[in-house]
């Protein structure tokens, strides 16, 4: 099967896991805040582990093979991380959006309807994850792409639940909350398509694409996920979830990659 199609389908599968995570809201099942924070910590751990084992290390290896210098490879990785983090930071600064727990951010946020602020937040958050999966496949290493897709799919489930629960808390109905949570994953195949196409067209882009995705995900982890999991007094449970997610993703990466 064409590697581009595989990358898009894998990122779509990972994205649809947000809907799987949101299923409990359709059946009236509530999730305690402690469990939600633990699950979000798990999601952050998966993203952290994927960033290093599936993205930065392969990116450095490819860059070193291309340029024959460990220093140049390290500088490319550093540049990619900074560009990725800077891109998401710019979106946070200039695009009006609303975090589920931290409130509104961005220029003229009050001028947009609340639901569109939520949609913009979802776009900012999930796009880099799809990009990471696409870049993983675009490099031609199917095993690495599969491990990324599985890991990001696992961490999308608790994120989908968090999105649905937040919408319920804002007064939206259960079906609407589930559908919005499901829709959060649909931006990921868009990022996956861009990532796999860009890397497939030029091998020189691969280390930059891998490390760019790392910077974007690290910014999201530090700026949004970890602060949210620590604000209700459940930091010990959230940290336990984070470590568990890191360990599981490490095992998956070694096993599948």
C-alpha atoms as a PDB file:
ATOM      1  CA  UNK A   1       0.000   0.000   0.000  1.00  0.00           C
ATOM      2  CA  UNK A   2       1.196   3.557  -0.742  1.00  0.00           C
ATOM      3  CA  UNK A   3       3.108   5.008   2.232  1.00  0.00           C
ATOM      4  CA  UNK A   4       1.130   8.267   2.032  1.00  0.00           C
ATOM      5  CA  UNK A   5      -2.176   6.402   2.313  1.00  0.00           C
ATOM      6  CA  UNK A   6      -0.829   4.335   5.212  1.00  0.00           C
ATOM      7  CA  UNK A   7       0.272   7.490   7.038  1.00  0.00           C
ATOM      8  CA  UNK A   8      -3.096   9.189   6.566  1.00  0.00           C
ATOM      9  CA  UNK A   9      -5.073   6.109   7.648  1.00  0.00           C
ATOM     10  CA  UNK A  10      -2.847   5.600  10.695  1.00  0.00           C
ATOM     11  CA  UNK A  11      -3.233   9.222  11.784  1.00  0.00           C
ATOM     12  CA  UNK A  12      -7.004   8.950  11.219  1.00  0.00           C
ATOM     13  CA  UNK A  13      -7.146   5.830  13.393  1.00  0.00           C
ATOM     14  CA  UNK A  14      -5.181   7.570  16.121  1.00  0.00           C
ATOM     15  CA  UNK A  15      -7.430  10.605  15.898  1.00  0.00           C
ATOM     16  CA  UNK A  16     -10.652   8.599  16.135  1.00  0.00           C
ATOM     17  CA  UNK A  17      -9.519   7.275  19.508  1.00  0.00           C
ATOM     18  CA  UNK A  18     -10.752  10.578  20.939  1.00  0.00           C
ATOM     19  CA  UNK A  19     -14.266   9.346  20.225  1.00  0.00           C
ATOM     20  CA  UNK A  20     -13.548   6.016  21.898  1.00  0.00           C
ATOM     21  CA  UNK A  21     -12.375   7.865  25.003  1.00  0.00           C
ATOM     22  CA  UNK A  22     -15.535   9.984  25.034  1.00  0.00           C
ATOM     23  CA  UNK A  23     -17.951   7.020  24.876  1.00  0.00           C
ATOM     24  CA  UNK A  24     -18.701   7.023  28.648  1.00  0.00           C
ATOM     25  CA  UNK A  25     -20.526  10.364  28.366  1.00  0.00           C
ATOM     26  CA  UNK A  26     -23.146   8.756  26.109  1.00  0.00           C
ATOM     27  CA  UNK A  27     -24.029   6.293  28.860  1.00  0.00           C
ATOM     28  CA  UNK A  28     -24.202   8.826  31.663  1.00  0.00           C
ATOM     29  CA  UNK A  29     -21.040   7.618  33.358  1.00  0.00           C
ATOM     30  CA  UNK A  30     -19.141  10.272  35.285  1.00  0.00           C
ATOM     31  CA  UNK A  31     -15.395  10.194  35.776  1.00  0.00           C
ATOM     32  CA  UNK A  32     -13.854  11.458  38.994  1.00  0.00           C
ATOM     33  CA  UNK A  33     -11.480  14.395  38.705  1.00  0.00           C
ATOM     34  CA  UNK A  34      -8.628  12.320  40.150  1.00  0.00           C
ATOM     35  CA  UNK A  35      -9.041   9.643  37.472  1.00  0.00           C
ATOM     36  CA  UNK A  36      -9.310  12.261  34.727  1.00  0.00           C
ATOM     37  CA  UNK A  37      -6.074  13.911  35.856  1.00  0.00           C
ATOM     38  CA  UNK A  38      -4.360  10.531  36.006  1.00  0.00           C
ATOM     39  CA  UNK A  39      -5.476   9.746  32.464  1.00  0.00           C
ATOM     40  CA  UNK A  40      -4.328  13.133  31.182  1.00  0.00           C
ATOM     41  CA  UNK A  41      -0.995  12.600  32.941  1.00  0.00           C
ATOM     42  CA  UNK A  42      -0.785   9.273  31.120  1.00  0.00           C
ATOM     43  CA  UNK A  43      -1.416  11.097  27.832  1.00  0.00           C
ATOM     44  CA  UNK A  44       1.400  13.554  28.606  1.00  0.00           C
ATOM     45  CA  UNK A  45       3.743  10.656  29.407  1.00  0.00           C
ATOM     46  CA  UNK A  46       2.995   8.945  26.112  1.00  0.00           C
ATOM     47  CA  UNK A  47       3.669  12.176  24.231  1.00  0.00           C
ATOM     48  CA  UNK A  48       6.947  12.757  26.105  1.00  0.00           C
ATOM     49  CA  UNK A  49       8.198   9.250  25.424  1.00  0.00           C
ATOM     50  CA  UNK A  50       7.152   9.402  21.775  1.00  0.00           C
ATOM     51  CA  UNK A  51       8.922  12.734  21.432  1.00  0.00           C
ATOM     52  CA  UNK A  52      12.282  11.263  22.385  1.00  0.00           C
ATOM     53  CA  UNK A  53      12.200   7.600  21.360  1.00  0.00           C
ATOM     54  CA  UNK A  54      10.184   7.942  18.149  1.00  0.00           C
ATOM     55  CA  UNK A  55      11.057  11.447  16.974  1.00  0.00           C
ATOM     56  CA  UNK A  56      14.189  13.138  18.349  1.00  0.00           C
ATOM     57  CA  UNK A  57      16.510  10.124  18.333  1.00  0.00           C
ATOM     58  CA  UNK A  58      15.540   9.011  14.792  1.00  0.00           C
ATOM     59  CA  UNK A  59      15.767  12.634  13.673  1.00  0.00           C
ATOM     60  CA  UNK A  60      19.314  12.969  14.988  1.00  0.00           C
ATOM     61  CA  UNK A  61      20.326   9.644  13.422  1.00  0.00           C
ATOM     62  CA  UNK A  62      18.989  10.679  10.001  1.00  0.00           C
ATOM     63  CA  UNK A  63      20.579  14.125  10.191  1.00  0.00           C
ATOM     64  CA  UNK A  64      23.951  12.639  11.169  1.00  0.00           C
ATOM     65  CA  UNK A  65      23.781  10.188   8.264  1.00  0.00           C
ATOM     66  CA  UNK A  66      22.934  13.027   5.874  1.00  0.00           C
ATOM     67  CA  UNK A  67      25.620  15.477   7.029  1.00  0.00           C
ATOM     68  CA  UNK A  68      28.275  13.218   8.559  1.00  0.00           C
ATOM     69  CA  UNK A  69      28.504  15.327  11.715  1.00  0.00           C
ATOM     70  CA  UNK A  70      27.017  14.714  15.158  1.00  0.00           C
ATOM     71  CA  UNK A  71      27.225  18.450  15.933  1.00  0.00           C
ATOM     72  CA  UNK A  72      25.288  19.447  12.814  1.00  0.00           C
ATOM     73  CA  UNK A  73      22.719  16.736  13.587  1.00  0.00           C
ATOM     74  CA  UNK A  74      22.282  18.071  17.119  1.00  0.00           C
ATOM     75  CA  UNK A  75      21.934  21.639  15.848  1.00  0.00           C
ATOM     76  CA  UNK A  76      19.296  20.573  13.306  1.00  0.00           C
ATOM     77  CA  UNK A  77      17.375  18.783  16.058  1.00  0.00           C
ATOM     78  CA  UNK A  78      17.606  21.839  18.297  1.00  0.00           C
ATOM     79  CA  UNK A  79      16.432  24.076  15.469  1.00  0.00           C
ATOM     80  CA  UNK A  80      13.498  21.798  14.662  1.00  0.00           C
ATOM     81  CA  UNK A  81      12.378  21.663  18.303  1.00  0.00           C
ATOM     82  CA  UNK A  82      12.586  25.455  18.642  1.00  0.00           C
ATOM     83  CA  UNK A  83      10.655  25.985  15.404  1.00  0.00           C
ATOM     84  CA  UNK A  84       7.901  23.564  16.473  1.00  0.00           C
ATOM     85  CA  UNK A  85       7.530  25.091  19.921  1.00  0.00           C
ATOM     86  CA  UNK A  86       7.636  28.581  18.454  1.00  0.00           C
ATOM     87  CA  UNK A  87       4.929  27.768  15.907  1.00  0.00           C
ATOM     88  CA  UNK A  88       2.490  26.552  18.565  1.00  0.00           C
ATOM     89  CA  UNK A  89       3.428  29.457  20.858  1.00  0.00           C
ATOM     90  CA  UNK A  90       2.580  31.854  18.011  1.00  0.00           C
ATOM     91  CA  UNK A  91      -0.779  30.151  17.517  1.00  0.00           C
ATOM     92  CA  UNK A  92      -1.466  30.472  21.240  1.00  0.00           C
ATOM     93  CA  UNK A  93      -0.547  34.146  21.135  1.00  0.00           C
ATOM     94  CA  UNK A  94      -2.311  35.316  17.987  1.00  0.00           C
ATOM     95  CA  UNK A  95      -5.195  32.887  17.366  1.00  0.00           C
ATOM     96  CA  UNK A  96      -8.149  33.411  19.706  1.00  0.00           C
ATOM     97  CA  UNK A  97      -9.006  30.163  21.452  1.00  0.00           C
ATOM     98  CA  UNK A  98     -10.184  28.771  24.772  1.00  0.00           C
ATOM     99  CA  UNK A  99      -8.517  26.197  26.967  1.00  0.00           C
ATOM    100  CA  UNK A 100     -10.910  23.888  28.764  1.00  0.00           C
ATOM    101  CA  UNK A 101      -9.552  24.806  32.185  1.00  0.00           C
ATOM    102  CA  UNK A 102      -7.375  27.899  31.710  1.00  0.00           C
ATOM    103  CA  UNK A 103      -9.863  30.176  29.990  1.00  0.00           C
ATOM    104  CA  UNK A 104      -9.559  32.312  26.898  1.00  0.00           C
ATOM    105  CA  UNK A 105      -6.315  33.346  25.207  1.00  0.00           C
ATOM    106  CA  UNK A 106      -5.317  35.121  22.037  1.00  0.00           C
ATOM    107  CA  UNK A 107      -6.168  38.379  20.288  1.00  0.00           C
ATOM    108  CA  UNK A 108      -9.818  39.534  20.495  1.00  0.00           C
ATOM    109  CA  UNK A 109     -10.921  36.217  21.973  1.00  0.00           C
ATOM    110  CA  UNK A 110     -14.135  37.756  23.237  1.00  0.00           C
ATOM    111  CA  UNK A 111     -15.290  38.548  19.703  1.00  0.00           C
ATOM    112  CA  UNK A 112     -15.796  34.906  18.722  1.00  0.00           C
ATOM    113  CA  UNK A 113     -18.552  32.517  19.740  1.00  0.00           C
ATOM    114  CA  UNK A 114     -17.599  30.168  22.576  1.00  0.00           C
ATOM    115  CA  UNK A 115     -17.962  26.984  20.524  1.00  0.00           C
ATOM    116  CA  UNK A 116     -15.605  28.310  17.816  1.00  0.00           C
ATOM    117  CA  UNK A 117     -13.035  29.120  20.481  1.00  0.00           C
ATOM    118  CA  UNK A 118     -13.241  25.488  21.567  1.00  0.00           C
ATOM    119  CA  UNK A 119     -12.868  24.288  17.976  1.00  0.00           C
ATOM    120  CA  UNK A 120      -9.760  26.437  17.505  1.00  0.00           C
ATOM    121  CA  UNK A 121      -8.303  25.038  20.718  1.00  0.00           C
ATOM    122  CA  UNK A 122      -8.846  21.492  19.464  1.00  0.00           C
ATOM    123  CA  UNK A 123      -7.142  22.354  16.169  1.00  0.00           C
ATOM    124  CA  UNK A 124      -4.086  23.849  17.880  1.00  0.00           C
ATOM    125  CA  UNK A 125      -3.787  20.870  20.213  1.00  0.00           C
ATOM    126  CA  UNK A 126      -4.271  17.903  17.891  1.00  0.00           C
ATOM    127  CA  UNK A 127      -2.657  19.018  14.632  1.00  0.00           C
ATOM    128  CA  UNK A 128       0.962  18.382  15.805  1.00  0.00           C
ATOM    129  CA  UNK A 129       0.035  14.845  16.867  1.00  0.00           C
ATOM    130  CA  UNK A 130      -1.189  13.978  13.371  1.00  0.00           C
ATOM    131  CA  UNK A 131       1.894  15.660  11.939  1.00  0.00           C
ATOM    132  CA  UNK A 132       4.111  13.449  14.095  1.00  0.00           C
ATOM    133  CA  UNK A 133       2.426  10.265  12.848  1.00  0.00           C
ATOM    134  CA  UNK A 134       2.669  11.381   9.227  1.00  0.00           C
ATOM    135  CA  UNK A 135       6.333  12.277   9.544  1.00  0.00           C
ATOM    136  CA  UNK A 136       6.990   8.928  11.215  1.00  0.00           C
ATOM    137  CA  UNK A 137       5.615   7.068   8.204  1.00  0.00           C
ATOM    138  CA  UNK A 138       7.064   9.494   5.664  1.00  0.00           C
ATOM    139  CA  UNK A 139      10.585   8.479   6.651  1.00  0.00           C
ATOM    140  CA  UNK A 140       9.870   4.983   5.337  1.00  0.00           C
ATOM    141  CA  UNK A 141      10.133   3.280   8.739  1.00  0.00           C
ATOM    142  CA  UNK A 142       6.693   1.683   9.017  1.00  0.00           C
ATOM    143  CA  UNK A 143       7.469   0.202  12.439  1.00  0.00           C
ATOM    144  CA  UNK A 144       8.292   3.643  13.827  1.00  0.00           C
ATOM    145  CA  UNK A 145       5.138   5.080  12.294  1.00  0.00           C
ATOM    146  CA  UNK A 146       2.994   2.306  13.791  1.00  0.00           C
ATOM    147  CA  UNK A 147       4.452   2.794  17.268  1.00  0.00           C
ATOM    148  CA  UNK A 148       3.746   6.528  17.022  1.00  0.00           C
ATOM    149  CA  UNK A 149       0.185   5.946  15.816  1.00  0.00           C
ATOM    150  CA  UNK A 150      -0.519   3.432  18.598  1.00  0.00           C
ATOM    151  CA  UNK A 151       0.995   5.659  21.275  1.00  0.00           C
ATOM    152  CA  UNK A 152      -0.790   8.808  20.165  1.00  0.00           C
ATOM    153  CA  UNK A 153      -4.024   6.844  19.803  1.00  0.00           C
ATOM    154  CA  UNK A 154      -3.668   5.664  23.409  1.00  0.00           C
ATOM    155  CA  UNK A 155      -3.163   9.181  24.694  1.00  0.00           C
ATOM    156  CA  UNK A 156      -6.023  10.533  22.550  1.00  0.00           C
ATOM    157  CA  UNK A 157      -8.560   8.440  24.468  1.00  0.00           C
ATOM    158  CA  UNK A 158      -8.197  10.294  27.800  1.00  0.00           C
ATOM    159  CA  UNK A 159      -8.025  13.591  25.916  1.00  0.00           C
ATOM    160  CA  UNK A 160     -11.331  12.794  24.209  1.00  0.00           C
ATOM    161  CA  UNK A 161     -12.901  12.035  27.575  1.00  0.00           C
ATOM    162  CA  UNK A 162     -11.560  15.299  29.002  1.00  0.00           C
ATOM    163  CA  UNK A 163     -12.994  17.265  26.069  1.00  0.00           C
ATOM    164  CA  UNK A 164     -16.427  15.646  26.419  1.00  0.00           C
ATOM    165  CA  UNK A 165     -16.511  16.136  30.194  1.00  0.00           C
ATOM    166  CA  UNK A 166     -15.498  19.783  29.813  1.00  0.00           C
ATOM    167  CA  UNK A 167     -18.316  20.368  27.316  1.00  0.00           C
ATOM    168  CA  UNK A 168     -20.791  18.723  29.666  1.00  0.00           C
ATOM    169  CA  UNK A 169     -19.586  21.068  32.373  1.00  0.00           C
ATOM    170  CA  UNK A 170     -20.311  24.019  30.057  1.00  0.00           C
ATOM    171  CA  UNK A 171     -23.921  22.858  29.740  1.00  0.00           C
ATOM    172  CA  UNK A 172     -23.847  21.063  26.382  1.00  0.00           C
ATOM    173  CA  UNK A 173     -25.775  17.816  25.858  1.00  0.00           C
ATOM    174  CA  UNK A 174     -24.191  14.372  26.014  1.00  0.00           C
ATOM    175  CA  UNK A 175     -24.553  13.603  22.307  1.00  0.00           C
ATOM    176  CA  UNK A 176     -23.129  16.970  21.281  1.00  0.00           C
ATOM    177  CA  UNK A 177     -20.234  16.573  23.724  1.00  0.00           C
ATOM    178  CA  UNK A 178     -19.439  13.134  22.293  1.00  0.00           C
ATOM    179  CA  UNK A 179     -19.602  14.331  18.666  1.00  0.00           C
ATOM    180  CA  UNK A 180     -17.318  17.298  19.337  1.00  0.00           C
ATOM    181  CA  UNK A 181     -14.844  15.036  21.131  1.00  0.00           C
ATOM    182  CA  UNK A 182     -14.967  12.650  18.169  1.00  0.00           C
ATOM    183  CA  UNK A 183     -14.410  15.559  15.774  1.00  0.00           C
ATOM    184  CA  UNK A 184     -11.274  16.635  17.648  1.00  0.00           C
ATOM    185  CA  UNK A 185      -9.467  13.703  16.069  1.00  0.00           C
ATOM    186  CA  UNK A 186     -10.410  14.601  12.502  1.00  0.00           C
ATOM    187  CA  UNK A 187      -7.711  17.284  12.272  1.00  0.00           C
ATOM    188  CA  UNK A 188      -5.041  14.651  12.856  1.00  0.00           C
ATOM    189  CA  UNK A 189      -5.200  13.000   9.395  1.00  0.00           C
ATOM    190  CA  UNK A 190      -4.787  16.494   7.909  1.00  0.00           C
ATOM    191  CA  UNK A 191      -1.560  16.903   9.857  1.00  0.00           C
ATOM    192  CA  UNK A 192      -0.658  13.322   8.980  1.00  0.00           C
ATOM    193  CA  UNK A 193      -1.113  13.994   5.259  1.00  0.00           C
ATOM    194  CA  UNK A 194       1.054  17.123   5.353  1.00  0.00           C
ATOM    195  CA  UNK A 195       3.749  15.348   7.340  1.00  0.00           C
ATOM    196  CA  UNK A 196       3.992  12.219   5.217  1.00  0.00           C
ATOM    197  CA  UNK A 197       3.871  14.143   1.912  1.00  0.00           C
ATOM    198  CA  UNK A 198       6.528  16.670   2.944  1.00  0.00           C
ATOM    199  CA  UNK A 199       8.941  14.008   4.153  1.00  0.00           C
ATOM    200  CA  UNK A 200       8.252  11.699   1.195  1.00  0.00           C
ATOM    201  CA  UNK A 201       9.081  14.470  -1.290  1.00  0.00           C
ATOM    202  CA  UNK A 202      12.441  15.327   0.261  1.00  0.00           C
ATOM    203  CA  UNK A 203      14.511  13.184   2.612  1.00  0.00           C
ATOM    204  CA  UNK A 204      16.308  16.323   3.780  1.00  0.00           C
ATOM    205  CA  UNK A 205      13.055  17.448   5.414  1.00  0.00           C
ATOM    206  CA  UNK A 206      12.814  14.320   7.585  1.00  0.00           C
ATOM    207  CA  UNK A 207      14.976  15.366  10.571  1.00  0.00           C
ATOM    208  CA  UNK A 208      13.391  18.820  10.564  1.00  0.00           C
ATOM    209  CA  UNK A 209       9.885  17.334  10.427  1.00  0.00           C
ATOM    210  CA  UNK A 210      10.559  14.841  13.207  1.00  0.00           C
ATOM    211  CA  UNK A 211      11.992  17.423  15.594  1.00  0.00           C
ATOM    212  CA  UNK A 212       9.445  20.117  14.632  1.00  0.00           C
ATOM    213  CA  UNK A 213       6.700  17.738  15.799  1.00  0.00           C
ATOM    214  CA  UNK A 214       8.619  17.247  19.061  1.00  0.00           C
ATOM    215  CA  UNK A 215       8.752  20.969  19.773  1.00  0.00           C
ATOM    216  CA  UNK A 216       5.038  21.354  19.089  1.00  0.00           C
ATOM    217  CA  UNK A 217       4.106  18.471  21.393  1.00  0.00           C
ATOM    218  CA  UNK A 218       6.476  19.548  24.183  1.00  0.00           C
ATOM    219  CA  UNK A 219       4.932  23.008  24.171  1.00  0.00           C
ATOM    220  CA  UNK A 220       1.431  21.540  24.495  1.00  0.00           C
ATOM    221  CA  UNK A 221       2.507  19.212  27.314  1.00  0.00           C
ATOM    222  CA  UNK A 222       4.121  21.998  29.333  1.00  0.00           C
ATOM    223  CA  UNK A 223       1.693  24.793  28.526  1.00  0.00           C
ATOM    224  CA  UNK A 224      -1.609  22.969  28.820  1.00  0.00           C
ATOM    225  CA  UNK A 225      -1.699  19.325  29.880  1.00  0.00           C
ATOM    226  CA  UNK A 226       0.571  19.312  32.953  1.00  0.00           C
ATOM    227  CA  UNK A 227      -0.813  22.566  34.431  1.00  0.00           C
ATOM    228  CA  UNK A 228      -4.356  21.226  33.997  1.00  0.00           C
ATOM    229  CA  UNK A 229      -3.553  17.953  35.769  1.00  0.00           C
ATOM    230  CA  UNK A 230      -1.953  19.738  38.744  1.00  0.00           C
ATOM    231  CA  UNK A 231      -4.521  22.438  39.431  1.00  0.00           C
ATOM    232  CA  UNK A 232      -7.006  20.288  41.410  1.00  0.00           C
ATOM    233  CA  UNK A 233      -4.593  18.775  43.936  1.00  0.00           C
ATOM    234  CA  UNK A 234      -4.096  15.451  42.124  1.00  0.00           C
ATOM    235  CA  UNK A 235      -0.487  16.024  41.089  1.00  0.00           C
ATOM    236  CA  UNK A 236       0.703  12.714  42.609  1.00  0.00           C
ATOM    237  CA  UNK A 237      -1.845  10.719  40.629  1.00  0.00           C
ATOM    238  CA  UNK A 238      -1.125  12.751  37.487  1.00  0.00           C
ATOM    239  CA  UNK A 239       2.622  12.181  37.871  1.00  0.00           C
ATOM    240  CA  UNK A 240       2.038   8.452  38.322  1.00  0.00           C
ATOM    241  CA  UNK A 241      -0.003   8.451  35.121  1.00  0.00           C
ATOM    242  CA  UNK A 242       2.724  10.390  33.305  1.00  0.00           C
ATOM    243  CA  UNK A 243       5.427   7.899  34.287  1.00  0.00           C
ATOM    244  CA  UNK A 244       3.165   4.991  33.358  1.00  0.00           C
ATOM    245  CA  UNK A 245       2.504   6.517  29.952  1.00  0.00           C
ATOM    246  CA  UNK A 246       6.215   7.101  29.355  1.00  0.00           C
ATOM    247  CA  UNK A 247       7.085   3.511  30.249  1.00  0.00           C
ATOM    248  CA  UNK A 248       4.305   2.004  28.131  1.00  0.00           C
ATOM    249  CA  UNK A 249       5.228   4.093  25.088  1.00  0.00           C
ATOM    250  CA  UNK A 250       8.901   3.185  25.518  1.00  0.00           C
ATOM    251  CA  UNK A 251       8.012  -0.506  25.507  1.00  0.00           C
ATOM    252  CA  UNK A 252       5.747  -0.066  22.472  1.00  0.00           C
ATOM    253  CA  UNK A 253       8.446   1.819  20.597  1.00  0.00           C
ATOM    254  CA  UNK A 254      11.100  -0.826  21.260  1.00  0.00           C
ATOM    255  CA  UNK A 255       8.686  -3.662  20.501  1.00  0.00           C
ATOM    256  CA  UNK A 256       7.003  -2.246  17.382  1.00  0.00           C
ATOM    257  CA  UNK A 257       9.855  -0.066  16.123  1.00  0.00           C
END
